[in-house]
Amino acid sequence: MSIAEKTAFAQDGNGASKPAATGITEGSVNYKTVGDRTLRIDWTRPADWQPTDRRPAIAFIHGGGWTGGKPGQFAPHSQELAGLGVVCFRIEYRLLKGKSGPPADCVSDVSDAFRFIRGNAGQLGIDPDRIAAGGGSAGGHLAAFLGMMDDEVIDGVSRKPNLLCLFNPVYDNGPGQWGDKRVGDEYPKYSPAHNISKDDPPAIVFLGTNDSLIPVETAERFRDNMIKAGVESRLFLYKDQPHGFFNANKSDGKYYRLTVDEMLSFLKTHGWIDG
C-alpha cells in the first residue's frame, strides 16, 4: 500500500483550520488505477491506533449528484469519530462529469474501495466484521447500494457493509424519483430501495422535510420496507430543513451536531463505540 500521513486538522465555524484531537492522524492510500487515473482512500485514525488493532471502522462516500463533490465532505465526522476510537475512511471515486447514463463507474469504484478496506483489515488495524458505510446524497445512494444490492465477493472479500449511516440519501432511483433520467429502465440494477432484503445491514437515515430531491414519503417507505424485511431501520426527520442540511458548515453546525449525536447513539447500540 502507498500511504501518505499527516497531522489531522479540523475546521472551526469560520472555516479556518485548527488541530484536531491530540494525536489523531490523517493520510491516504491508493486503492485502484483506471487508465491514467489513480484513486485514493483518505483515512483518519485514533491517537492510540496500532496496526495490530481490530477497531470498528466506517467508510464515508461524498455526495455531489455523481458528478461532483470531494471526499473531504466527511472530514469533520471522521475526526470526531476517530476521537472515539473509530478508524474512518473517505473514498474517492470517478465522477460522471460530461457523461450520460447510470453511475456504473461510481458503483464499481466504491465496491472496489470497500473490498480494499476489508481485504486489508489486518494492516489497517480494523475489524473486517465491523465496517460501516456512510454517505450523503449521491454518496448515500452509493453506501446504500453496497448494503442492498446482491454482494459481489472477489477473492473471498465481501463489499457489503455491516451498518449504514445515510444522510439525505438519494436511494430510490425508480420512476419519478431522483436519478431516474440517468438509470431509466435499469433502475432495478441501481436503486437500493428496490433491492431491500433480509440480509441487508441495519440503517439510520437523516432527512430534512424540505428536501427538494427526496420526499419524506420516499424515506418513510424505505424505512417501512426495511422493517418488513426484518432489518432495523431508523429515520430521523428535521423540520423545514433542505438538502445538505447536515453538513458541518450549515446552520452554524446545529444540524451537524444533532445528526452526529443520533449517529453516535446508533453506533453505540451496535458496538462501534463504547458507552
C-alpha atoms as a PDB file:
ATOM      1  CA  MET A   1       0.000   0.000   0.000  1.00  0.00           C
ATOM      2  CA  SER A   2       1.221   3.503  -0.831  1.00  0.00           C
ATOM      3  CA  ILE A   3       0.480   5.592   2.254  1.00  0.00           C
ATOM      4  CA  ALA A   4       0.864   9.299   2.979  1.00  0.00           C
ATOM      5  CA  GLU A   5       0.379  10.566   6.522  1.00  0.00           C
ATOM      6  CA  LYS A   6      -0.148  13.953   8.145  1.00  0.00           C
ATOM      7  CA  THR A   7      -1.417  15.516  11.363  1.00  0.00           C
ATOM      8  CA  ALA A   8      -5.198  15.921  11.313  1.00  0.00           C
ATOM      9  CA  PHE A   9      -6.765  19.378  11.227  1.00  0.00           C
ATOM     10  CA  ALA A  10     -10.386  20.299  11.864  1.00  0.00           C
ATOM     11  CA  GLN A  11     -12.410  23.254  10.626  1.00  0.00           C
ATOM     12  CA  ASP A  12     -13.763  25.822  13.041  1.00  0.00           C
ATOM     13  CA  GLY A  13     -17.035  27.652  12.493  1.00  0.00           C
ATOM     14  CA  ASN A  14     -15.343  30.228  10.261  1.00  0.00           C
ATOM     15  CA  GLY A  15     -13.741  27.639   8.013  1.00  0.00           C
ATOM     16  CA  ALA A  16     -10.258  28.128   9.477  1.00  0.00           C
ATOM     17  CA  SER A  17      -8.046  25.134  10.192  1.00  0.00           C
ATOM     18  CA  LYS A  18      -7.212  24.113  13.719  1.00  0.00           C
ATOM     19  CA  PRO A  19      -5.532  20.995  15.170  1.00  0.00           C
ATOM     20  CA  ALA A  20      -7.884  18.059  15.674  1.00  0.00           C
ATOM     21  CA  ALA A  21      -7.906  15.969  18.846  1.00  0.00           C
ATOM     22  CA  THR A  22      -4.366  15.386  20.080  1.00  0.00           C
ATOM     23  CA  GLY A  23      -2.569  12.602  18.252  1.00  0.00           C
ATOM     24  CA  ILE A  24      -5.204  11.890  15.605  1.00  0.00           C
ATOM     25  CA  THR A  25      -3.535  11.346  12.240  1.00  0.00           C
ATOM     26  CA  GLU A  26      -4.772  11.512   8.676  1.00  0.00           C
ATOM     27  CA  GLY A  27      -3.357  10.143   5.484  1.00  0.00           C
ATOM     28  CA  SER A  28      -4.221   8.410   2.242  1.00  0.00           C
ATOM     29  CA  VAL A  29      -3.708   5.136   0.431  1.00  0.00           C
ATOM     30  CA  ASN A  30      -4.168   4.337  -3.266  1.00  0.00           C
ATOM     31  CA  TYR A  31      -6.657   1.558  -3.942  1.00  0.00           C
ATOM     32  CA  LYS A  32      -7.216   1.464  -7.698  1.00  0.00           C
ATOM     33  CA  THR A  33      -5.807   2.638 -11.024  1.00  0.00           C
ATOM     34  CA  VAL A  34      -8.097   3.064 -14.031  1.00  0.00           C
ATOM     35  CA  GLY A  35      -6.254   4.142 -17.162  1.00  0.00           C
ATOM     36  CA  ASP A  36      -4.089   7.073 -16.109  1.00  0.00           C
ATOM     37  CA  ARG A  37      -6.245   7.799 -13.033  1.00  0.00           C
ATOM     38  CA  THR A  38      -5.245   6.630  -9.562  1.00  0.00           C
ATOM     39  CA  LEU A  39      -7.951   6.682  -6.897  1.00  0.00           C
ATOM     40  CA  ARG A  40      -7.308   7.055  -3.197  1.00  0.00           C
ATOM     41  CA  ILE A  41      -8.901   6.456   0.164  1.00  0.00           C
ATOM     42  CA  ASP A  42      -8.255   9.094   2.841  1.00  0.00           C
ATOM     43  CA  TRP A  43      -8.143   7.854   6.411  1.00  0.00           C
ATOM     44  CA  THR A  44      -8.348   9.255   9.947  1.00  0.00           C
ATOM     45  CA  ARG A  45      -7.007   7.204  12.847  1.00  0.00           C
ATOM     46  CA  PRO A  46      -7.393   7.455  16.635  1.00  0.00           C
ATOM     47  CA  ALA A  47      -4.427   8.693  18.640  1.00  0.00           C
ATOM     48  CA  ASP A  48      -3.675   5.281  20.138  1.00  0.00           C
ATOM     49  CA  TRP A  49      -4.207   3.313  16.919  1.00  0.00           C
ATOM     50  CA  GLN A  50      -1.934   0.326  16.287  1.00  0.00           C
ATOM     51  CA  PRO A  51      -1.761  -1.803  13.121  1.00  0.00           C
ATOM     52  CA  THR A  52      -2.497  -4.873  15.262  1.00  0.00           C
ATOM     53  CA  ASP A  53      -5.841  -3.391  16.426  1.00  0.00           C
ATOM     54  CA  ARG A  54      -9.251  -4.731  15.401  1.00  0.00           C
ATOM     55  CA  ARG A  55     -11.128  -1.459  15.668  1.00  0.00           C
ATOM     56  CA  PRO A  56     -14.561  -0.645  14.275  1.00  0.00           C
ATOM     57  CA  ALA A  57     -14.471   1.412  11.083  1.00  0.00           C
ATOM     58  CA  ILE A  58     -16.678   3.499   8.824  1.00  0.00           C
ATOM     59  CA  ALA A  59     -16.134   4.354   5.167  1.00  0.00           C
ATOM     60  CA  PHE A  60     -17.722   7.639   4.075  1.00  0.00           C
ATOM     61  CA  ILE A  61     -18.752   8.416   0.487  1.00  0.00           C
ATOM     62  CA  HIS A  62     -19.218  12.042  -0.548  1.00  0.00           C
ATOM     63  CA  GLY A  63     -22.208  13.460  -2.361  1.00  0.00           C
ATOM     64  CA  GLY A  64     -22.464  15.655  -5.450  1.00  0.00           C
ATOM     65  CA  GLY A  65     -25.013  14.054  -7.757  1.00  0.00           C
ATOM     66  CA  TRP A  66     -22.435  11.508  -9.015  1.00  0.00           C
ATOM     67  CA  THR A  67     -20.897  14.433 -10.930  1.00  0.00           C
ATOM     68  CA  GLY A  68     -19.110  16.488  -8.240  1.00  0.00           C
ATOM     69  CA  GLY A  69     -18.008  16.649  -4.638  1.00  0.00           C
ATOM     70  CA  LYS A  70     -14.869  15.642  -2.758  1.00  0.00           C
ATOM     71  CA  PRO A  71     -14.007  13.102  -0.032  1.00  0.00           C
ATOM     72  CA  GLY A  72     -13.342  15.909   2.458  1.00  0.00           C
ATOM     73  CA  GLN A  73     -17.079  16.411   2.966  1.00  0.00           C
ATOM     74  CA  PHE A  74     -16.957  13.931   5.840  1.00  0.00           C
ATOM     75  CA  ALA A  75     -13.655  15.033   7.390  1.00  0.00           C
ATOM     76  CA  PRO A  76     -15.393  16.589  10.452  1.00  0.00           C
ATOM     77  CA  HIS A  77     -17.360  13.381  11.021  1.00  0.00           C
ATOM     78  CA  SER A  78     -14.174  11.347  10.660  1.00  0.00           C
ATOM     79  CA  GLN A  79     -12.204  13.440  13.122  1.00  0.00           C
ATOM     80  CA  GLU A  80     -14.941  13.252  15.740  1.00  0.00           C
ATOM     81  CA  LEU A  81     -15.344   9.502  15.358  1.00  0.00           C
ATOM     82  CA  ALA A  82     -11.585   8.938  15.473  1.00  0.00           C
ATOM     83  CA  GLY A  83     -11.603  10.722  18.825  1.00  0.00           C
ATOM     84  CA  LEU A  84     -13.979   7.982  19.996  1.00  0.00           C
ATOM     85  CA  GLY A  85     -11.814   5.129  18.751  1.00  0.00           C
ATOM     86  CA  VAL A  86     -13.233   4.510  15.256  1.00  0.00           C
ATOM     87  CA  VAL A  87     -10.994   4.303  12.179  1.00  0.00           C
ATOM     88  CA  CYS A  88     -12.565   6.356   9.379  1.00  0.00           C
ATOM     89  CA  PHE A  89     -12.113   6.265   5.615  1.00  0.00           C
ATOM     90  CA  ARG A  90     -13.237   8.655   2.859  1.00  0.00           C
ATOM     91  CA  ILE A  91     -13.491   7.208  -0.634  1.00  0.00           C
ATOM     92  CA  GLU A  92     -12.550   8.973  -3.853  1.00  0.00           C
ATOM     93  CA  TYR A  93     -14.405   7.673  -6.909  1.00  0.00           C
ATOM     94  CA  ARG A  94     -14.756   8.554 -10.586  1.00  0.00           C
ATOM     95  CA  LEU A  95     -17.417  11.172 -11.321  1.00  0.00           C
ATOM     96  CA  LEU A  96     -19.810  11.282 -14.245  1.00  0.00           C
ATOM     97  CA  LYS A  97     -18.773  14.737 -15.447  1.00  0.00           C
ATOM     98  CA  GLY A  98     -19.952  15.116 -19.024  1.00  0.00           C
ATOM     99  CA  LYS A  99     -21.210  11.535 -19.155  1.00  0.00           C
ATOM    100  CA  SER A 100     -24.757  10.325 -19.624  1.00  0.00           C
ATOM    101  CA  GLY A 101     -26.202   7.094 -18.343  1.00  0.00           C
ATOM    102  CA  PRO A 102     -26.180   5.326 -14.971  1.00  0.00           C
ATOM    103  CA  PRO A 103     -23.412   5.609 -12.338  1.00  0.00           C
ATOM    104  CA  ALA A 104     -21.676   2.374 -13.310  1.00  0.00           C
ATOM    105  CA  ASP A 105     -18.165   3.769 -12.707  1.00  0.00           C
ATOM    106  CA  CYS A 106     -19.195   5.131  -9.312  1.00  0.00           C
ATOM    107  CA  VAL A 107     -20.588   1.841  -8.036  1.00  0.00           C
ATOM    108  CA  SER A 108     -17.624  -0.077  -9.444  1.00  0.00           C
ATOM    109  CA  ASP A 109     -15.165   2.190  -7.630  1.00  0.00           C
ATOM    110  CA  VAL A 110     -16.874   2.210  -4.245  1.00  0.00           C
ATOM    111  CA  SER A 111     -17.288  -1.580  -4.449  1.00  0.00           C
ATOM    112  CA  ASP A 112     -13.551  -1.968  -5.075  1.00  0.00           C
ATOM    113  CA  ALA A 113     -12.738   0.552  -2.340  1.00  0.00           C
ATOM    114  CA  PHE A 114     -14.855  -1.243   0.243  1.00  0.00           C
ATOM    115  CA  ARG A 115     -13.297  -4.590  -0.644  1.00  0.00           C
ATOM    116  CA  PHE A 116      -9.845  -2.968  -0.431  1.00  0.00           C
ATOM    117  CA  ILE A 117     -10.584  -1.739   3.084  1.00  0.00           C
ATOM    118  CA  ARG A 118     -11.947  -5.071   4.270  1.00  0.00           C
ATOM    119  CA  GLY A 119      -9.281  -7.085   2.460  1.00  0.00           C
ATOM    120  CA  ASN A 120      -6.516  -5.077   4.143  1.00  0.00           C
ATOM    121  CA  ALA A 121      -8.142  -5.001   7.594  1.00  0.00           C
ATOM    122  CA  GLY A 122      -5.108  -6.689   9.138  1.00  0.00           C
ATOM    123  CA  GLN A 123      -2.830  -3.845   8.027  1.00  0.00           C
ATOM    124  CA  LEU A 124      -5.353  -1.083   8.662  1.00  0.00           C
ATOM    125  CA  GLY A 125      -5.962  -2.133  12.263  1.00  0.00           C
ATOM    126  CA  ILE A 126      -9.703  -2.702  11.832  1.00  0.00           C
ATOM    127  CA  ASP A 127     -12.231  -5.469  12.390  1.00  0.00           C
ATOM    128  CA  PRO A 128     -13.387  -6.801   8.973  1.00  0.00           C
ATOM    129  CA  ASP A 129     -16.769  -7.622  10.515  1.00  0.00           C
ATOM    130  CA  ARG A 130     -17.376  -4.092  11.850  1.00  0.00           C
ATOM    131  CA  ILE A 131     -17.117  -1.803   8.834  1.00  0.00           C
ATOM    132  CA  ALA A 132     -19.986   0.635   8.310  1.00  0.00           C
ATOM    133  CA  ALA A 133     -20.685   2.656   5.165  1.00  0.00           C
ATOM    134  CA  GLY A 134     -21.855   6.257   5.368  1.00  0.00           C
ATOM    135  CA  GLY A 135     -22.651   8.873   2.788  1.00  0.00           C
ATOM    136  CA  GLY A 136     -24.632  11.931   1.833  1.00  0.00           C
ATOM    137  CA  SER A 137     -26.966  12.416  -1.142  1.00  0.00           C
ATOM    138  CA  ALA A 138     -25.397  10.520  -4.087  1.00  0.00           C
ATOM    139  CA  GLY A 139     -22.826   9.203  -1.614  1.00  0.00           C
ATOM    140  CA  GLY A 140     -25.737   7.962   0.469  1.00  0.00           C
ATOM    141  CA  HIS A 141     -27.020   6.194  -2.630  1.00  0.00           C
ATOM    142  CA  LEU A 142     -23.632   4.520  -3.124  1.00  0.00           C
ATOM    143  CA  ALA A 143     -23.410   3.459   0.520  1.00  0.00           C
ATOM    144  CA  ALA A 144     -26.945   2.049   0.356  1.00  0.00           C
ATOM    145  CA  PHE A 145     -26.076   0.352  -2.961  1.00  0.00           C
ATOM    146  CA  LEU A 146     -23.331  -1.578  -1.182  1.00  0.00           C
ATOM    147  CA  GLY A 147     -25.771  -2.556   1.545  1.00  0.00           C
ATOM    148  CA  MET A 148     -28.819  -3.503  -0.506  1.00  0.00           C
ATOM    149  CA  MET A 149     -27.510  -5.000  -3.738  1.00  0.00           C
ATOM    150  CA  ASP A 150     -26.519  -8.630  -4.040  1.00  0.00           C
ATOM    151  CA  ASP A 151     -22.992  -8.998  -2.753  1.00  0.00           C
ATOM    152  CA  GLU A 152     -20.092  -9.422  -5.177  1.00  0.00           C
ATOM    153  CA  VAL A 153     -17.379 -11.365  -3.385  1.00  0.00           C
ATOM    154  CA  ILE A 154     -13.963 -11.188  -5.062  1.00  0.00           C
ATOM    155  CA  ASP A 155     -11.035 -13.261  -3.797  1.00  0.00           C
ATOM    156  CA  GLY A 156     -13.136 -14.097  -0.759  1.00  0.00           C
ATOM    157  CA  VAL A 157     -13.753 -10.444   0.170  1.00  0.00           C
ATOM    158  CA  SER A 158     -17.265  -9.016   0.513  1.00  0.00           C
ATOM    159  CA  ARG A 159     -18.281  -5.479  -0.406  1.00  0.00           C
ATOM    160  CA  LYS A 160     -21.279  -5.487   1.948  1.00  0.00           C
ATOM    161  CA  PRO A 161     -21.164  -3.068   4.920  1.00  0.00           C
ATOM    162  CA  ASN A 162     -22.175  -4.148   8.401  1.00  0.00           C
ATOM    163  CA  LEU A 163     -24.082  -0.900   9.115  1.00  0.00           C
ATOM    164  CA  LEU A 164     -25.348   2.072   7.089  1.00  0.00           C
ATOM    165  CA  CYS A 165     -25.347   5.760   8.113  1.00  0.00           C
ATOM    166  CA  LEU A 166     -27.199   7.683   5.386  1.00  0.00           C
ATOM    167  CA  PHE A 167     -27.529  11.481   5.172  1.00  0.00           C
ATOM    168  CA  ASN A 168     -30.351  12.596   2.822  1.00  0.00           C
ATOM    169  CA  PRO A 169     -29.561   9.642   0.523  1.00  0.00           C
ATOM    170  CA  VAL A 170     -30.995   9.503  -2.992  1.00  0.00           C
ATOM    171  CA  TYR A 171     -31.552   5.774  -2.579  1.00  0.00           C
ATOM    172  CA  ASP A 172     -34.764   5.423  -4.620  1.00  0.00           C
ATOM    173  CA  ASN A 173     -33.989   5.750  -8.339  1.00  0.00           C
ATOM    174  CA  GLY A 174     -37.246   4.340  -9.642  1.00  0.00           C
ATOM    175  CA  PRO A 175     -39.714   6.137 -11.937  1.00  0.00           C
ATOM    176  CA  GLY A 176     -40.367   9.693 -10.762  1.00  0.00           C
ATOM    177  CA  GLN A 177     -37.561   9.575  -8.179  1.00  0.00           C
ATOM    178  CA  TRP A 178     -34.121  11.194  -8.202  1.00  0.00           C
ATOM    179  CA  GLY A 179     -31.732   9.789 -10.809  1.00  0.00           C
ATOM    180  CA  ASP A 180     -34.419   8.078 -12.874  1.00  0.00           C
ATOM    181  CA  LYS A 181     -33.415  10.003 -16.016  1.00  0.00           C
ATOM    182  CA  ARG A 182     -29.933   8.504 -15.769  1.00  0.00           C
ATOM    183  CA  VAL A 183     -30.826   4.935 -14.908  1.00  0.00           C
ATOM    184  CA  GLY A 184     -34.064   4.690 -16.906  1.00  0.00           C
ATOM    185  CA  ASP A 185     -35.384   1.144 -17.190  1.00  0.00           C
ATOM    186  CA  GLU A 186     -32.222  -0.123 -15.488  1.00  0.00           C
ATOM    187  CA  TYR A 187     -33.351   1.189 -12.099  1.00  0.00           C
ATOM    188  CA  PRO A 188     -33.638  -2.350 -10.623  1.00  0.00           C
ATOM    189  CA  LYS A 189     -29.830  -2.602 -11.068  1.00  0.00           C
ATOM    190  CA  TYR A 190     -29.095   0.700  -9.328  1.00  0.00           C
ATOM    191  CA  SER A 191     -31.903   1.568  -6.914  1.00  0.00           C
ATOM    192  CA  PRO A 192     -31.264   0.393  -3.331  1.00  0.00           C
ATOM    193  CA  ALA A 193     -34.911   0.932  -2.446  1.00  0.00           C
ATOM    194  CA  HIS A 194     -35.878  -1.735  -4.977  1.00  0.00           C
ATOM    195  CA  ASN A 195     -33.434  -4.303  -3.601  1.00  0.00           C
ATOM    196  CA  ILE A 196     -34.244  -4.500   0.100  1.00  0.00           C
ATOM    197  CA  SER A 197     -33.898  -7.981   1.606  1.00  0.00           C
ATOM    198  CA  LYS A 198     -33.459  -9.611   4.997  1.00  0.00           C
ATOM    199  CA  ASP A 199     -29.652  -9.842   4.684  1.00  0.00           C
ATOM    200  CA  ASP A 200     -29.216  -6.053   4.452  1.00  0.00           C
ATOM    201  CA  PRO A 201     -27.369  -4.155   7.210  1.00  0.00           C
ATOM    202  CA  PRO A 202     -29.171  -2.016   9.810  1.00  0.00           C
ATOM    203  CA  ALA A 203     -29.542   1.587   8.653  1.00  0.00           C
ATOM    204  CA  ILE A 204     -30.013   5.054  10.090  1.00  0.00           C
ATOM    205  CA  VAL A 205     -31.275   7.821   7.796  1.00  0.00           C
ATOM    206  CA  PHE A 206     -31.374  11.610   8.231  1.00  0.00           C
ATOM    207  CA  LEU A 207     -33.644  13.803   6.083  1.00  0.00           C
ATOM    208  CA  GLY A 208     -34.918  17.363   6.079  1.00  0.00           C
ATOM    209  CA  THR A 209     -38.655  17.735   5.497  1.00  0.00           C
ATOM    210  CA  ASN A 210     -37.993  20.435   2.860  1.00  0.00           C
ATOM    211  CA  ASP A 211     -35.576  18.323   0.840  1.00  0.00           C
ATOM    212  CA  SER A 212     -36.287  19.092  -2.817  1.00  0.00           C
ATOM    213  CA  LEU A 213     -34.788  15.789  -4.036  1.00  0.00           C
ATOM    214  CA  ILE A 214     -36.176  13.245  -1.588  1.00  0.00           C
ATOM    215  CA  PRO A 215     -39.822  13.335  -0.491  1.00  0.00           C
ATOM    216  CA  VAL A 216     -40.495  12.342   3.098  1.00  0.00           C
ATOM    217  CA  GLU A 217     -42.784   9.592   1.792  1.00  0.00           C
ATOM    218  CA  THR A 218     -39.829   8.052  -0.059  1.00  0.00           C
ATOM    219  CA  ALA A 219     -37.813   7.845   3.159  1.00  0.00           C
ATOM    220  CA  GLU A 220     -40.759   6.508   5.131  1.00  0.00           C
ATOM    221  CA  ARG A 221     -41.402   3.839   2.505  1.00  0.00           C
ATOM    222  CA  PHE A 222     -37.744   2.793   2.605  1.00  0.00           C
ATOM    223  CA  ARG A 223     -37.833   2.526   6.405  1.00  0.00           C
ATOM    224  CA  ASP A 224     -41.089   0.581   6.389  1.00  0.00           C
ATOM    225  CA  ASN A 225     -39.877  -1.859   3.722  1.00  0.00           C
ATOM    226  CA  MET A 226     -36.675  -2.455   5.671  1.00  0.00           C
ATOM    227  CA  ILE A 227     -38.652  -3.233   8.809  1.00  0.00           C
ATOM    228  CA  LYS A 228     -40.977  -5.530   6.839  1.00  0.00           C
ATOM    229  CA  ALA A 229     -37.884  -7.409   5.661  1.00  0.00           C
ATOM    230  CA  GLY A 230     -36.815  -7.830   9.278  1.00  0.00           C
ATOM    231  CA  VAL A 231     -33.989  -5.272   9.186  1.00  0.00           C
ATOM    232  CA  GLU A 232     -33.514  -2.469  11.704  1.00  0.00           C
ATOM    233  CA  SER A 233     -34.125   0.934  10.112  1.00  0.00           C
ATOM    234  CA  ARG A 234     -34.203   4.312  11.850  1.00  0.00           C
ATOM    235  CA  LEU A 235     -35.439   7.509  10.191  1.00  0.00           C
ATOM    236  CA  PHE A 236     -34.911  10.976  11.653  1.00  0.00           C
ATOM    237  CA  LEU A 237     -36.751  13.914  10.095  1.00  0.00           C
ATOM    238  CA  TYR A 238     -35.723  17.551  10.613  1.00  0.00           C
ATOM    239  CA  LYS A 239     -38.492  20.098  10.192  1.00  0.00           C
ATOM    240  CA  ASP A 240     -38.105  22.612   7.327  1.00  0.00           C
ATOM    241  CA  GLN A 241     -34.531  21.571   6.538  1.00  0.00           C
ATOM    242  CA  PRO A 242     -33.331  21.404   2.906  1.00  0.00           C
ATOM    243  CA  HIS A 243     -30.993  19.046   1.104  1.00  0.00           C
ATOM    244  CA  GLY A 244     -27.485  19.080   2.589  1.00  0.00           C
ATOM    245  CA  PHE A 245     -28.661  20.477   5.937  1.00  0.00           C
ATOM    246  CA  PHE A 246     -26.443  18.058   7.913  1.00  0.00           C
ATOM    247  CA  ASN A 247     -23.081  19.392   6.726  1.00  0.00           C
ATOM    248  CA  ALA A 248     -20.804  20.898   9.367  1.00  0.00           C
ATOM    249  CA  ASN A 249     -20.726  24.304   7.618  1.00  0.00           C
ATOM    250  CA  LYS A 250     -24.515  24.722   7.570  1.00  0.00           C
ATOM    251  CA  SER A 251     -26.665  26.455  10.207  1.00  0.00           C
ATOM    252  CA  ASP A 252     -23.644  27.113  12.435  1.00  0.00           C
ATOM    253  CA  GLY A 253     -23.252  23.374  12.819  1.00  0.00           C
ATOM    254  CA  LYS A 254     -26.607  22.911  14.577  1.00  0.00           C
ATOM    255  CA  TYR A 255     -27.833  20.024  12.429  1.00  0.00           C
ATOM    256  CA  TYR A 256     -24.387  18.533  12.103  1.00  0.00           C
ATOM    257  CA  ARG A 257     -24.456  18.199  15.891  1.00  0.00           C
ATOM    258  CA  LEU A 258     -27.982  16.789  16.026  1.00  0.00           C
ATOM    259  CA  THR A 259     -27.404  14.218  13.282  1.00  0.00           C
ATOM    260  CA  VAL A 260     -23.987  13.184  14.559  1.00  0.00           C
ATOM    261  CA  ASP A 261     -25.358  12.656  18.068  1.00  0.00           C
ATOM    262  CA  GLU A 262     -28.008  10.303  16.674  1.00  0.00           C
ATOM    263  CA  MET A 263     -25.370   8.545  14.577  1.00  0.00           C
ATOM    264  CA  LEU A 264     -23.207   8.078  17.672  1.00  0.00           C
ATOM    265  CA  SER A 265     -26.151   6.582  19.555  1.00  0.00           C
ATOM    266  CA  PHE A 266     -26.748   4.183  16.662  1.00  0.00           C
ATOM    267  CA  LEU A 267     -23.079   3.183  16.550  1.00  0.00           C
ATOM    268  CA  LYS A 268     -23.026   2.657  20.321  1.00  0.00           C
ATOM    269  CA  THR A 269     -26.038   0.361  20.078  1.00  0.00           C
ATOM    270  CA  HIS A 270     -24.133  -1.802  17.591  1.00  0.00           C
ATOM    271  CA  GLY A 271     -20.840  -1.843  19.446  1.00  0.00           C
ATOM    272  CA  TRP A 272     -18.825   0.565  17.304  1.00  0.00           C
ATOM    273  CA  ILE A 273     -18.374   2.954  20.247  1.00  0.00           C
ATOM    274  CA  ASP A 274     -18.106   2.210  23.963  1.00  0.00           C
ATOM    275  CA  GLY A 275     -20.522   3.755  26.416  1.00  0.00           C
END
